[in-house]
Amino acid sequence: MLRILLAEDDVNHATLARQTLEDDGHRITAVSDGKRALEAMIHETYDLVLLDMRLPELDGRELIGRVRAADAPLNRIPIVVVTGYGVRQHIDFFQHFDVRHYLAKPYDCDELASIIRAYDIH
């Protein structure tokens, strides 16, 4: 079981992701903007962040940059990105900031669950 921060502003996508991950036994904290995501990551410990790239207040690129520039252990948290605006344009950015997994919306729930399971090595 992982503690996952879900940063997603679309209610339908957030609900679908939450249900998929909770069905696998993970504990989910959901936020709807990048500023709240960063605050949550500073104040709580998460095993993984599931991050939409287009968020209000602080977008995914800025959030990832701030997290990776932070001190350990925050800078090492795995980030899985979901985006509805194309993955190709972000590939170099993802590689530079150690984002190993990303999904284009709409994504398959089984694929999301499989990616998340890869981080659950307990």
PDB file of N, CA and C in Angstrom:
ATOM      1  N   MET A   1       0.830  -1.179   0.000  1.00  0.00           N
ATOM      2  CA  MET A   1       0.000   0.000   0.000  1.00  0.00           C
ATOM      3  C   MET A   1       0.879   1.249   0.000  1.00  0.00           C
ATOM      4  N   LEU A   2       0.565   2.185  -0.887  1.00  0.00           N
ATOM      5  CA  LEU A   2       1.304   3.433  -0.977  1.00  0.00           C
ATOM      6  C   LEU A   2       0.438   4.602  -0.509  1.00  0.00           C
ATOM      7  N   ARG A   3       1.104   5.597   0.035  1.00  0.00           N
ATOM      8  CA  ARG A   3       0.445   6.884   0.301  1.00  0.00           C
ATOM      9  C   ARG A   3       0.683   7.741  -0.929  1.00  0.00           C
ATOM     10  N   ILE A   4      -0.380   8.072  -1.633  1.00  0.00           N
ATOM     11  CA  ILE A   4      -0.271   8.767  -2.915  1.00  0.00           C
ATOM     12  C   ILE A   4      -0.949  10.125  -2.831  1.00  0.00           C
ATOM     13  N   LEU A   5      -0.239  11.142  -3.310  1.00  0.00           N
ATOM     14  CA  LEU A   5      -0.825  12.461  -3.475  1.00  0.00           C
ATOM     15  C   LEU A   5      -1.309  12.555  -4.912  1.00  0.00           C
ATOM     16  N   LEU A   6      -2.594  12.784  -5.076  1.00  0.00           N
ATOM     17  CA  LEU A   6      -3.210  12.922  -6.382  1.00  0.00           C
ATOM     18  C   LEU A   6      -3.483  14.402  -6.617  1.00  0.00           C
ATOM     19  N   ALA A   7      -2.785  14.997  -7.576  1.00  0.00           N
ATOM     20  CA  ALA A   7      -2.961  16.405  -7.911  1.00  0.00           C
ATOM     21  C   ALA A   7      -3.652  16.482  -9.269  1.00  0.00           C
ATOM     22  N   GLU A   8      -4.949  16.701  -9.235  1.00  0.00           N
ATOM     23  CA  GLU A   8      -5.780  16.675 -10.448  1.00  0.00           C
ATOM     24  C   GLU A   8      -6.945  17.636 -10.265  1.00  0.00           C
ATOM     25  N   ASP A   9      -7.123  18.564 -11.202  1.00  0.00           N
ATOM     26  CA  ASP A   9      -8.197  19.547 -11.076  1.00  0.00           C
ATOM     27  C   ASP A   9      -9.490  19.122 -11.751  1.00  0.00           C
ATOM     28  N   ASP A  10      -9.458  18.122 -12.600  1.00  0.00           N
ATOM     29  CA  ASP A  10     -10.669  17.634 -13.254  1.00  0.00           C
ATOM     30  C   ASP A  10     -11.335  16.605 -12.337  1.00  0.00           C
ATOM     31  N   VAL A  11     -12.548  16.901 -11.911  1.00  0.00           N
ATOM     32  CA  VAL A  11     -13.246  16.050 -10.940  1.00  0.00           C
ATOM     33  C   VAL A  11     -13.424  14.629 -11.460  1.00  0.00           C
ATOM     34  N   ASN A  12     -13.760  14.483 -12.734  1.00  0.00           N
ATOM     35  CA  ASN A  12     -13.973  13.145 -13.287  1.00  0.00           C
ATOM     36  C   ASN A  12     -12.689  12.330 -13.316  1.00  0.00           C
ATOM     37  N   HIS A  13     -11.599  12.944 -13.767  1.00  0.00           N
ATOM     38  CA  HIS A  13     -10.316  12.233 -13.783  1.00  0.00           C
ATOM     39  C   HIS A  13      -9.839  11.908 -12.365  1.00  0.00           C
ATOM     40  N   ALA A  14     -10.041  12.841 -11.452  1.00  0.00           N
ATOM     41  CA  ALA A  14      -9.635  12.607 -10.061  1.00  0.00           C
ATOM     42  C   ALA A  14     -10.415  11.446  -9.458  1.00  0.00           C
ATOM     43  N   THR A  15     -11.707  11.412  -9.719  1.00  0.00           N
ATOM     44  CA  THR A  15     -12.549  10.336  -9.183  1.00  0.00           C
ATOM     45  C   THR A  15     -12.127   8.985  -9.746  1.00  0.00           C
ATOM     46  N   LEU A  16     -11.892   8.938 -11.047  1.00  0.00           N
ATOM     47  CA  LEU A  16     -11.485   7.685 -11.685  1.00  0.00           C
ATOM     48  C   LEU A  16     -10.140   7.200 -11.151  1.00  0.00           C
ATOM     49  N   ALA A  17      -9.170   8.105 -11.060  1.00  0.00           N
ATOM     50  CA  ALA A  17      -7.851   7.725 -10.541  1.00  0.00           C
ATOM     51  C   ALA A  17      -7.954   7.273  -9.089  1.00  0.00           C
ATOM     52  N   ARG A  18      -8.690   8.026  -8.295  1.00  0.00           N
ATOM     53  CA  ARG A  18      -8.843   7.686  -6.880  1.00  0.00           C
ATOM     54  C   ARG A  18      -9.447   6.292  -6.723  1.00  0.00           C
ATOM     55  N   GLN A  19     -10.530   6.009  -7.444  1.00  0.00           N
ATOM     56  CA  GLN A  19     -11.184   4.702  -7.337  1.00  0.00           C
ATOM     57  C   GLN A  19     -10.243   3.583  -7.767  1.00  0.00           C
ATOM     58  N   THR A  20      -9.524   3.795  -8.856  1.00  0.00           N
ATOM     59  CA  THR A  20      -8.591   2.784  -9.357  1.00  0.00           C
ATOM     60  C   THR A  20      -7.527   2.475  -8.313  1.00  0.00           C
ATOM     61  N   LEU A  21      -6.964   3.517  -7.728  1.00  0.00           N
ATOM     62  CA  LEU A  21      -5.865   3.323  -6.775  1.00  0.00           C
ATOM     63  C   LEU A  21      -6.353   2.819  -5.422  1.00  0.00           C
ATOM     64  N   GLU A  22      -7.497   3.295  -4.976  1.00  0.00           N
ATOM     65  CA  GLU A  22      -8.041   2.784  -3.707  1.00  0.00           C
ATOM     66  C   GLU A  22      -8.447   1.328  -3.836  1.00  0.00           C
ATOM     67  N   ASP A  23      -8.928   0.940  -5.010  1.00  0.00           N
ATOM     68  CA  ASP A  23      -9.270  -0.473  -5.233  1.00  0.00           C
ATOM     69  C   ASP A  23      -8.040  -1.369  -5.092  1.00  0.00           C
ATOM     70  N   ASP A  24      -6.868  -0.821  -5.357  1.00  0.00           N
ATOM     71  CA  ASP A  24      -5.621  -1.565  -5.171  1.00  0.00           C
ATOM     72  C   ASP A  24      -5.078  -1.435  -3.750  1.00  0.00           C
ATOM     73  N   GLY A  25      -5.792  -0.721  -2.877  1.00  0.00           N
ATOM     74  CA  GLY A  25      -5.400  -0.632  -1.476  1.00  0.00           C
ATOM     75  C   GLY A  25      -4.556   0.569  -1.103  1.00  0.00           C
ATOM     76  N   HIS A  26      -4.351   1.485  -2.020  1.00  0.00           N
ATOM     77  CA  HIS A  26      -3.532   2.661  -1.728  1.00  0.00           C
ATOM     78  C   HIS A  26      -4.351   3.729  -0.990  1.00  0.00           C
ATOM     79  N   ARG A  27      -3.639   4.537  -0.206  1.00  0.00           N
ATOM     80  CA  ARG A  27      -4.261   5.664   0.500  1.00  0.00           C
ATOM     81  C   ARG A  27      -4.033   6.920  -0.323  1.00  0.00           C
ATOM     82  N   ILE A  28      -5.102   7.615  -0.642  1.00  0.00           N
ATOM     83  CA  ILE A  28      -5.044   8.750  -1.555  1.00  0.00           C
ATOM     84  C   ILE A  28      -5.398  10.042  -0.829  1.00  0.00           C
ATOM     85  N   THR A  29      -4.585  11.063  -1.051  1.00  0.00           N
ATOM     86  CA  THR A  29      -4.911  12.434  -0.664  1.00  0.00           C
ATOM     87  C   THR A  29      -5.036  13.195  -1.970  1.00  0.00           C
ATOM     88  N   ALA A  30      -6.164  13.834  -2.195  1.00  0.00           N
ATOM     89  CA  ALA A  30      -6.400  14.537  -3.452  1.00  0.00           C
ATOM     90  C   ALA A  30      -6.398  16.044  -3.236  1.00  0.00           C
ATOM     91  N   VAL A  31      -5.774  16.746  -4.157  1.00  0.00           N
ATOM     92  CA  VAL A  31      -5.782  18.214  -4.190  1.00  0.00           C
ATOM     93  C   VAL A  31      -6.081  18.635  -5.624  1.00  0.00           C
ATOM     94  N   SER A  32      -6.604  19.854  -5.763  1.00  0.00           N
ATOM     95  CA  SER A  32      -7.041  20.288  -7.087  1.00  0.00           C
ATOM     96  C   SER A  32      -6.192  21.392  -7.702  1.00  0.00           C
ATOM     97  N   ASP A  33      -5.092  21.762  -7.052  1.00  0.00           N
ATOM     98  CA  ASP A  33      -4.204  22.746  -7.679  1.00  0.00           C
ATOM     99  C   ASP A  33      -2.761  22.506  -7.250  1.00  0.00           C
ATOM    100  N   GLY A  34      -1.843  23.075  -8.015  1.00  0.00           N
ATOM    101  CA  GLY A  34      -0.428  22.848  -7.782  1.00  0.00           C
ATOM    102  C   GLY A  34       0.093  23.428  -6.484  1.00  0.00           C
ATOM    103  N   LYS A  35      -0.453  24.558  -6.085  1.00  0.00           N
ATOM    104  CA  LYS A  35      -0.014  25.176  -4.832  1.00  0.00           C
ATOM    105  C   LYS A  35      -0.347  24.268  -3.645  1.00  0.00           C
ATOM    106  N   ARG A  36      -1.551  23.730  -3.638  1.00  0.00           N
ATOM    107  CA  ARG A  36      -1.932  22.801  -2.554  1.00  0.00           C
ATOM    108  C   ARG A  36      -1.119  21.517  -2.612  1.00  0.00           C
ATOM    109  N   ALA A  37      -0.785  21.084  -3.809  1.00  0.00           N
ATOM    110  CA  ALA A  37       0.044  19.874  -3.942  1.00  0.00           C
ATOM    111  C   ALA A  37       1.412  20.097  -3.306  1.00  0.00           C
ATOM    112  N   LEU A  38       2.033  21.227  -3.615  1.00  0.00           N
ATOM    113  CA  LEU A  38       3.352  21.516  -3.043  1.00  0.00           C
ATOM    114  C   LEU A  38       3.270  21.635  -1.524  1.00  0.00           C
ATOM    115  N   GLU A  39       2.266  22.314  -1.024  1.00  0.00           N
ATOM    116  CA  GLU A  39       2.088  22.442   0.431  1.00  0.00           C
ATOM    117  C   GLU A  39       1.901  21.077   1.078  1.00  0.00           C
ATOM    118  N   ALA A  40       1.088  20.224   0.452  1.00  0.00           N
ATOM    119  CA  ALA A  40       0.862  18.878   1.002  1.00  0.00           C
ATOM    120  C   ALA A  40       2.167  18.090   1.042  1.00  0.00           C
ATOM    121  N   MET A  41       2.973  18.205  -0.003  1.00  0.00           N
ATOM    122  CA  MET A  41       4.230  17.463  -0.067  1.00  0.00           C
ATOM    123  C   MET A  41       5.230  17.956   0.969  1.00  0.00           C
ATOM    124  N   ILE A  42       5.169  19.222   1.307  1.00  0.00           N
ATOM    125  CA  ILE A  42       6.071  19.783   2.312  1.00  0.00           C
ATOM    126  C   ILE A  42       5.676  19.335   3.718  1.00  0.00           C
ATOM    127  N   HIS A  43       4.366  19.206   3.948  1.00  0.00           N
ATOM    128  CA  HIS A  43       3.874  18.923   5.298  1.00  0.00           C
ATOM    129  C   HIS A  43       3.584  17.451   5.582  1.00  0.00           C
ATOM    130  N   GLU A  44       3.462  16.643   4.559  1.00  0.00           N
ATOM    131  CA  GLU A  44       3.159  15.222   4.728  1.00  0.00           C
ATOM    132  C   GLU A  44       4.163  14.394   3.939  1.00  0.00           C
ATOM    133  N   THR A  45       4.260  13.128   4.281  1.00  0.00           N
ATOM    134  CA  THR A  45       5.136  12.212   3.563  1.00  0.00           C
ATOM    135  C   THR A  45       4.292  11.351   2.633  1.00  0.00           C
ATOM    136  N   TYR A  46       4.671  11.343   1.367  1.00  0.00           N
ATOM    137  CA  TYR A  46       3.985  10.525   0.369  1.00  0.00           C
ATOM    138  C   TYR A  46       5.006   9.615  -0.292  1.00  0.00           C
ATOM    139  N   ASP A  47       4.520   8.462  -0.729  1.00  0.00           N
ATOM    140  CA  ASP A  47       5.379   7.527  -1.438  1.00  0.00           C
ATOM    141  C   ASP A  47       5.473   7.858  -2.923  1.00  0.00           C
ATOM    142  N   LEU A  48       4.468   8.602  -3.421  1.00  0.00           N
ATOM    143  CA  LEU A  48       4.380   8.871  -4.845  1.00  0.00           C
ATOM    144  C   LEU A  48       3.412  10.017  -5.076  1.00  0.00           C
ATOM    145  N   VAL A  49       3.632  10.766  -6.157  1.00  0.00           N
ATOM    146  CA  VAL A  49       2.713  11.827  -6.571  1.00  0.00           C
ATOM    147  C   VAL A  49       2.201  11.487  -7.955  1.00  0.00           C
ATOM    148  N   LEU A  50       0.890  11.519  -8.111  1.00  0.00           N
ATOM    149  CA  LEU A  50       0.253  11.387  -9.413  1.00  0.00           C
ATOM    150  C   LEU A  50      -0.176  12.794  -9.799  1.00  0.00           C
ATOM    151  N   LEU A  51       0.440  13.349 -10.837  1.00  0.00           N
ATOM    152  CA  LEU A  51       0.360  14.772 -11.126  1.00  0.00           C
ATOM    153  C   LEU A  51      -0.168  15.067 -12.515  1.00  0.00           C
ATOM    154  N   ASP A  52      -1.218  15.864 -12.565  1.00  0.00           N
ATOM    155  CA  ASP A  52      -1.700  16.421 -13.825  1.00  0.00           C
ATOM    156  C   ASP A  52      -0.775  17.580 -14.194  1.00  0.00           C
ATOM    157  N   MET A  53      -0.398  17.692 -15.452  1.00  0.00           N
ATOM    158  CA  MET A  53       0.521  18.758 -15.855  1.00  0.00           C
ATOM    159  C   MET A  53      -0.124  20.135 -15.882  1.00  0.00           C
ATOM    160  N   ARG A  54      -1.420  20.205 -16.134  1.00  0.00           N
ATOM    161  CA  ARG A  54      -2.101  21.500 -16.198  1.00  0.00           C
ATOM    162  C   ARG A  54      -2.956  21.675 -14.960  1.00  0.00           C
ATOM    163  N   LEU A  55      -2.417  22.407 -14.019  1.00  0.00           N
ATOM    164  CA  LEU A  55      -3.124  22.678 -12.770  1.00  0.00           C
ATOM    165  C   LEU A  55      -3.204  24.184 -12.545  1.00  0.00           C
ATOM    166  N   PRO A  56      -4.253  24.638 -11.873  1.00  0.00           N
ATOM    167  CA  PRO A  56      -4.299  26.051 -11.490  1.00  0.00           C
ATOM    168  C   PRO A  56      -3.266  26.354 -10.402  1.00  0.00           C
ATOM    169  N   GLU A  57      -2.968  27.612 -10.249  1.00  0.00           N
ATOM    170  CA  GLU A  57      -2.070  28.139  -9.214  1.00  0.00           C
ATOM    171  C   GLU A  57      -0.594  27.857  -9.490  1.00  0.00           C
ATOM    172  N   LEU A  58      -0.259  26.626  -9.817  1.00  0.00           N
ATOM    173  CA  LEU A  58       1.126  26.209 -10.056  1.00  0.00           C
ATOM    174  C   LEU A  58       1.056  25.006 -10.990  1.00  0.00           C
ATOM    175  N   ASP A  59       1.550  25.158 -12.221  1.00  0.00           N
ATOM    176  CA  ASP A  59       1.394  24.052 -13.166  1.00  0.00           C
ATOM    177  C   ASP A  59       2.395  22.928 -12.873  1.00  0.00           C
ATOM    178  N   GLY A  60       2.227  21.821 -13.567  1.00  0.00           N
ATOM    179  CA  GLY A  60       3.037  20.647 -13.308  1.00  0.00           C
ATOM    180  C   GLY A  60       4.526  20.860 -13.526  1.00  0.00           C
ATOM    181  N   ARG A  61       4.892  21.599 -14.576  1.00  0.00           N
ATOM    182  CA  ARG A  61       6.315  21.848 -14.839  1.00  0.00           C
ATOM    183  C   ARG A  61       6.958  22.614 -13.680  1.00  0.00           C
ATOM    184  N   GLU A  62       6.276  23.651 -13.221  1.00  0.00           N
ATOM    185  CA  GLU A  62       6.808  24.451 -12.114  1.00  0.00           C
ATOM    186  C   GLU A  62       6.866  23.620 -10.830  1.00  0.00           C
ATOM    187  N   LEU A  63       5.834  22.848 -10.582  1.00  0.00           N
ATOM    188  CA  LEU A  63       5.801  22.010  -9.383  1.00  0.00           C
ATOM    189  C   LEU A  63       6.942  20.988  -9.397  1.00  0.00           C
ATOM    190  N   ILE A  64       7.129  20.320 -10.522  1.00  0.00           N
ATOM    191  CA  ILE A  64       8.207  19.333 -10.631  1.00  0.00           C
ATOM    192  C   ILE A  64       9.556  20.007 -10.418  1.00  0.00           C
ATOM    193  N   GLY A  65       9.765  21.153 -11.015  1.00  0.00           N
ATOM    194  CA  GLY A  65      11.025  21.876 -10.840  1.00  0.00           C
ATOM    195  C   GLY A  65      11.291  22.232  -9.392  1.00  0.00           C
ATOM    196  N   ARG A  66      10.269  22.707  -8.703  1.00  0.00           N
ATOM    197  CA  ARG A  66      10.439  23.063  -7.283  1.00  0.00           C
ATOM    198  C   ARG A  66      10.712  21.839  -6.420  1.00  0.00           C
ATOM    199  N   VAL A  67      10.014  20.749  -6.690  1.00  0.00           N
ATOM    200  CA  VAL A  67      10.213  19.527  -5.909  1.00  0.00           C
ATOM    201  C   VAL A  67      11.626  18.994  -6.122  1.00  0.00           C
ATOM    202  N   ARG A  68      12.076  18.946  -7.359  1.00  0.00           N
ATOM    203  CA  ARG A  68      13.408  18.418  -7.640  1.00  0.00           C
ATOM    204  C   ARG A  68      14.519  19.331  -7.120  1.00  0.00           C
ATOM    205  N   ALA A  69      14.229  20.621  -6.936  1.00  0.00           N
ATOM    206  CA  ALA A  69      15.222  21.558  -6.386  1.00  0.00           C
ATOM    207  C   ALA A  69      15.228  21.563  -4.855  1.00  0.00           C
ATOM    208  N   ALA A  70      14.259  20.902  -4.250  1.00  0.00           N
ATOM    209  CA  ALA A  70      14.141  20.869  -2.786  1.00  0.00           C
ATOM    210  C   ALA A  70      15.187  19.921  -2.192  1.00  0.00           C
ATOM    211  N   ASP A  71      15.277  19.949  -0.880  1.00  0.00           N
ATOM    212  CA  ASP A  71      16.176  19.041  -0.169  1.00  0.00           C
ATOM    213  C   ASP A  71      15.560  17.650  -0.088  1.00  0.00           C
ATOM    214  N   ALA A  72      16.412  16.666   0.190  1.00  0.00           N
ATOM    215  CA  ALA A  72      15.958  15.295   0.407  1.00  0.00           C
ATOM    216  C   ALA A  72      15.147  15.252   1.698  1.00  0.00           C
ATOM    217  N   PRO A  73      14.178  14.408   1.798  1.00  0.00           N
ATOM    218  CA  PRO A  73      13.757  13.369   0.865  1.00  0.00           C
ATOM    219  C   PRO A  73      12.744  13.861  -0.181  1.00  0.00           C
ATOM    220  N   LEU A  74      12.257  15.102  -0.056  1.00  0.00           N
ATOM    221  CA  LEU A  74      11.231  15.605  -0.972  1.00  0.00           C
ATOM    222  C   LEU A  74      11.681  15.504  -2.428  1.00  0.00           C
ATOM    223  N   ASN A  75      12.925  15.804  -2.706  1.00  0.00           N
ATOM    224  CA  ASN A  75      13.391  15.840  -4.094  1.00  0.00           C
ATOM    225  C   ASN A  75      13.483  14.461  -4.747  1.00  0.00           C
ATOM    226  N   ARG A  76      13.325  13.415  -3.953  1.00  0.00           N
ATOM    227  CA  ARG A  76      13.426  12.051  -4.495  1.00  0.00           C
ATOM    228  C   ARG A  76      12.073  11.369  -4.679  1.00  0.00           C
ATOM    229  N   ILE A  77      10.995  12.047  -4.352  1.00  0.00           N
ATOM    230  CA  ILE A  77       9.683  11.408  -4.445  1.00  0.00           C
ATOM    231  C   ILE A  77       9.361  11.082  -5.905  1.00  0.00           C
ATOM    232  N   PRO A  78       8.923   9.865  -6.176  1.00  0.00           N
ATOM    233  CA  PRO A  78       8.533   9.521  -7.539  1.00  0.00           C
ATOM    234  C   PRO A  78       7.309  10.333  -7.973  1.00  0.00           C
ATOM    235  N   ILE A  79       7.355  10.824  -9.192  1.00  0.00           N
ATOM    236  CA  ILE A  79       6.243  11.574  -9.764  1.00  0.00           C
ATOM    237  C   ILE A  79       5.809  10.863 -11.032  1.00  0.00           C
ATOM    238  N   VAL A  80       4.529  10.529 -11.092  1.00  0.00           N
ATOM    239  CA  VAL A  80       3.921   9.961 -12.285  1.00  0.00           C
ATOM    240  C   VAL A  80       3.008  11.041 -12.849  1.00  0.00           C
ATOM    241  N   VAL A  81       3.213  11.386 -14.106  1.00  0.00           N
ATOM    242  CA  VAL A  81       2.479  12.482 -14.732  1.00  0.00           C
ATOM    243  C   VAL A  81       1.356  11.943 -15.611  1.00  0.00           C
ATOM    244  N   VAL A  82       0.223  12.620 -15.555  1.00  0.00           N
ATOM    245  CA  VAL A  82      -0.865  12.397 -16.509  1.00  0.00           C
ATOM    246  C   VAL A  82      -1.139  13.740 -17.177  1.00  0.00           C
ATOM    247  N   THR A  83      -1.363  13.702 -18.482  1.00  0.00           N
ATOM    248  CA  THR A  83      -1.601  14.948 -19.196  1.00  0.00           C
ATOM    249  C   THR A  83      -2.536  14.735 -20.363  1.00  0.00           C
ATOM    250  N   GLY A  84      -3.359  15.703 -20.589  1.00  0.00           N
ATOM    251  CA  GLY A  84      -4.261  15.686 -21.732  1.00  0.00           C
ATOM    252  C   GLY A  84      -3.756  16.558 -22.858  1.00  0.00           C
ATOM    253  N   TYR A  85      -2.549  17.079 -22.727  1.00  0.00           N
ATOM    254  CA  TYR A  85      -2.028  18.037 -23.695  1.00  0.00           C
ATOM    255  C   TYR A  85      -0.801  17.525 -24.428  1.00  0.00           C
ATOM    256  N   GLY A  86      -0.685  16.231 -24.564  1.00  0.00           N
ATOM    257  CA  GLY A  86       0.424  15.654 -25.320  1.00  0.00           C
ATOM    258  C   GLY A  86       1.634  15.369 -24.456  1.00  0.00           C
ATOM    259  N   VAL A  87       2.177  14.202 -24.638  1.00  0.00           N
ATOM    260  CA  VAL A  87       3.331  13.767 -23.865  1.00  0.00           C
ATOM    261  C   VAL A  87       4.622  14.135 -24.585  1.00  0.00           C
ATOM    262  N   ARG A  88       4.621  14.044 -25.913  1.00  0.00           N
ATOM    263  CA  ARG A  88       5.847  14.241 -26.684  1.00  0.00           C
ATOM    264  C   ARG A  88       6.563  15.546 -26.375  1.00  0.00           C
ATOM    265  N   GLN A  89       5.799  16.601 -26.213  1.00  0.00           N
ATOM    266  CA  GLN A  89       6.409  17.911 -25.969  1.00  0.00           C
ATOM    267  C   GLN A  89       7.109  17.995 -24.616  1.00  0.00           C
ATOM    268  N   HIS A  90       6.835  17.065 -23.726  1.00  0.00           N
ATOM    269  CA  HIS A  90       7.402  17.097 -22.380  1.00  0.00           C
ATOM    270  C   HIS A  90       8.514  16.069 -22.151  1.00  0.00           C
ATOM    271  N   ILE A  91       8.799  15.218 -23.116  1.00  0.00           N
ATOM    272  CA  ILE A  91       9.720  14.092 -22.909  1.00  0.00           C
ATOM    273  C   ILE A  91      11.083  14.543 -22.368  1.00  0.00           C
ATOM    274  N   ASP A  92      11.711  15.523 -22.983  1.00  0.00           N
ATOM    275  CA  ASP A  92      13.022  15.991 -22.514  1.00  0.00           C
ATOM    276  C   ASP A  92      12.928  16.526 -21.092  1.00  0.00           C
ATOM    277  N   PHE A  93      11.869  17.257 -20.817  1.00  0.00           N
ATOM    278  CA  PHE A  93      11.649  17.793 -19.469  1.00  0.00           C
ATOM    279  C   PHE A  93      11.534  16.653 -18.470  1.00  0.00           C
ATOM    280  N   PHE A  94      10.729  15.634 -18.796  1.00  0.00           N
ATOM    281  CA  PHE A  94      10.559  14.490 -17.902  1.00  0.00           C
ATOM    282  C   PHE A  94      11.899  13.806 -17.630  1.00  0.00           C
ATOM    283  N   GLN A  95      12.674  13.583 -18.651  1.00  0.00           N
ATOM    284  CA  GLN A  95      13.959  12.924 -18.472  1.00  0.00           C
ATOM    285  C   GLN A  95      14.893  13.763 -17.602  1.00  0.00           C
ATOM    286  N   HIS A  96      14.922  15.056 -17.846  1.00  0.00           N
ATOM    287  CA  HIS A  96      15.791  15.946 -17.079  1.00  0.00           C
ATOM    288  C   HIS A  96      15.437  15.965 -15.595  1.00  0.00           C
ATOM    289  N   PHE A  97      14.131  15.872 -15.303  1.00  0.00           N
ATOM    290  CA  PHE A  97      13.673  15.952 -13.911  1.00  0.00           C
ATOM    291  C   PHE A  97      13.276  14.598 -13.327  1.00  0.00           C
ATOM    292  N   ASP A  98      13.774  13.509 -13.914  1.00  0.00           N
ATOM    293  CA  ASP A  98      13.592  12.158 -13.381  1.00  0.00           C
ATOM    294  C   ASP A  98      12.124  11.783 -13.188  1.00  0.00           C
ATOM    295  N   VAL A  99      11.307  12.099 -14.187  1.00  0.00           N
ATOM    296  CA  VAL A  99       9.917  11.628 -14.217  1.00  0.00           C
ATOM    297  C   VAL A  99       9.926  10.424 -15.146  1.00  0.00           C
ATOM    298  N   ARG A 100       9.811   9.243 -14.557  1.00  0.00           N
ATOM    299  CA  ARG A 100       9.989   8.002 -15.326  1.00  0.00           C
ATOM    300  C   ARG A 100       8.712   7.490 -15.974  1.00  0.00           C
ATOM    301  N   HIS A 101       7.577   7.859 -15.427  1.00  0.00           N
ATOM    302  CA  HIS A 101       6.312   7.355 -15.964  1.00  0.00           C
ATOM    303  C   HIS A 101       5.348   8.502 -16.228  1.00  0.00           C
ATOM    304  N   TYR A 102       4.678   8.411 -17.354  1.00  0.00           N
ATOM    305  CA  TYR A 102       3.696   9.422 -17.730  1.00  0.00           C
ATOM    306  C   TYR A 102       2.646   8.761 -18.614  1.00  0.00           C
ATOM    307  N   LEU A 103       1.459   9.279 -18.511  1.00  0.00           N
ATOM    308  CA  LEU A 103       0.325   8.759 -19.265  1.00  0.00           C
ATOM    309  C   LEU A 103      -0.401   9.915 -19.937  1.00  0.00           C
ATOM    310  N   ALA A 104      -0.847   9.678 -21.157  1.00  0.00           N
ATOM    311  CA  ALA A 104      -1.674  10.656 -21.854  1.00  0.00           C
ATOM    312  C   ALA A 104      -3.135  10.364 -21.530  1.00  0.00           C
ATOM    313  N   LYS A 105      -3.898  11.428 -21.280  1.00  0.00           N
ATOM    314  CA  LYS A 105      -5.334  11.278 -21.058  1.00  0.00           C
ATOM    315  C   LYS A 105      -6.021  11.166 -22.414  1.00  0.00           C
ATOM    316  N   PRO A 106      -7.056  10.391 -22.533  1.00  0.00           N
ATOM    317  CA  PRO A 106      -7.562   9.489 -21.498  1.00  0.00           C
ATOM    318  C   PRO A 106      -6.672   8.257 -21.411  1.00  0.00           C
ATOM    319  N   TYR A 107      -6.402   7.818 -20.206  1.00  0.00           N
ATOM    320  CA  TYR A 107      -5.528   6.666 -20.011  1.00  0.00           C
ATOM    321  C   TYR A 107      -6.354   5.472 -19.573  1.00  0.00           C
ATOM    322  N   ASP A 108      -5.761   4.313 -19.718  1.00  0.00           N
ATOM    323  CA  ASP A 108      -6.394   3.067 -19.316  1.00  0.00           C
ATOM    324  C   ASP A 108      -6.137   2.859 -17.821  1.00  0.00           C
ATOM    325  N   CYS A 109      -7.177   2.602 -17.063  1.00  0.00           N
ATOM    326  CA  CYS A 109      -7.039   2.432 -15.607  1.00  0.00           C
ATOM    327  C   CYS A 109      -6.137   1.259 -15.250  1.00  0.00           C
ATOM    328  N   ASP A 110      -6.170   0.209 -16.044  1.00  0.00           N
ATOM    329  CA  ASP A 110      -5.286  -0.927 -15.783  1.00  0.00           C
ATOM    330  C   ASP A 110      -3.824  -0.536 -15.971  1.00  0.00           C
ATOM    331  N   GLU A 111      -3.569   0.308 -16.963  1.00  0.00           N
ATOM    332  CA  GLU A 111      -2.195   0.771 -17.184  1.00  0.00           C
ATOM    333  C   GLU A 111      -1.738   1.647 -16.018  1.00  0.00           C
ATOM    334  N   LEU A 112      -2.613   2.530 -15.540  1.00  0.00           N
ATOM    335  CA  LEU A 112      -2.281   3.353 -14.375  1.00  0.00           C
ATOM    336  C   LEU A 112      -1.979   2.466 -13.174  1.00  0.00           C
ATOM    337  N   ALA A 113      -2.843   1.516 -12.905  1.00  0.00           N
ATOM    338  CA  ALA A 113      -2.646   0.622 -11.755  1.00  0.00           C
ATOM    339  C   ALA A 113      -1.338  -0.153 -11.878  1.00  0.00           C
ATOM    340  N   SER A 114      -1.010  -0.597 -13.075  1.00  0.00           N
ATOM    341  CA  SER A 114       0.227  -1.343 -13.295  1.00  0.00           C
ATOM    342  C   SER A 114       1.463  -0.478 -13.031  1.00  0.00           C
ATOM    343  N   ILE A 115       1.436   0.767 -13.491  1.00  0.00           N
ATOM    344  CA  ILE A 115       2.555   1.680 -13.242  1.00  0.00           C
ATOM    345  C   ILE A 115       2.721   1.915 -11.747  1.00  0.00           C
ATOM    346  N   ILE A 116       1.629   2.154 -11.059  1.00  0.00           N
ATOM    347  CA  ILE A 116       1.692   2.444  -9.621  1.00  0.00           C
ATOM    348  C   ILE A 116       2.181   1.215  -8.859  1.00  0.00           C
ATOM    349  N   ARG A 117       1.749   0.032  -9.268  1.00  0.00           N
ATOM    350  CA  ARG A 117       2.204  -1.200  -8.606  1.00  0.00           C
ATOM    351  C   ARG A 117       3.720  -1.351  -8.680  1.00  0.00           C
ATOM    352  N   ALA A 118       4.328  -0.849  -9.727  1.00  0.00           N
ATOM    353  CA  ALA A 118       5.790  -0.954  -9.880  1.00  0.00           C
ATOM    354  C   ALA A 118       6.519  -0.205  -8.766  1.00  0.00           C
ATOM    355  N   TYR A 119       5.877   0.772  -8.156  1.00  0.00           N
ATOM    356  CA  TYR A 119       6.489   1.540  -7.059  1.00  0.00           C
ATOM    357  C   TYR A 119       6.215   0.908  -5.691  1.00  0.00           C
ATOM    358  N   ASP A 120       5.282  -0.009  -5.633  1.00  0.00           N
ATOM    359  CA  ASP A 120       4.890  -0.639  -4.375  1.00  0.00           C
ATOM    360  C   ASP A 120       5.685  -1.922  -4.188  1.00  0.00           C
ATOM    361  N   ILE A 121       6.891  -1.788  -3.679  1.00  0.00           N
ATOM    362  CA  ILE A 121       7.806  -2.928  -3.568  1.00  0.00           C
ATOM    363  C   ILE A 121       7.814  -3.561  -2.181  1.00  0.00           C
ATOM    364  N   HIS A 122       6.855  -3.224  -1.351  1.00  0.00           N
ATOM    365  CA  HIS A 122       6.804  -3.752   0.028  1.00  0.00           C
ATOM    366  C   HIS A 122       6.414  -5.201   0.034  1.00  0.00           C
TER     367      HIS A 122
END
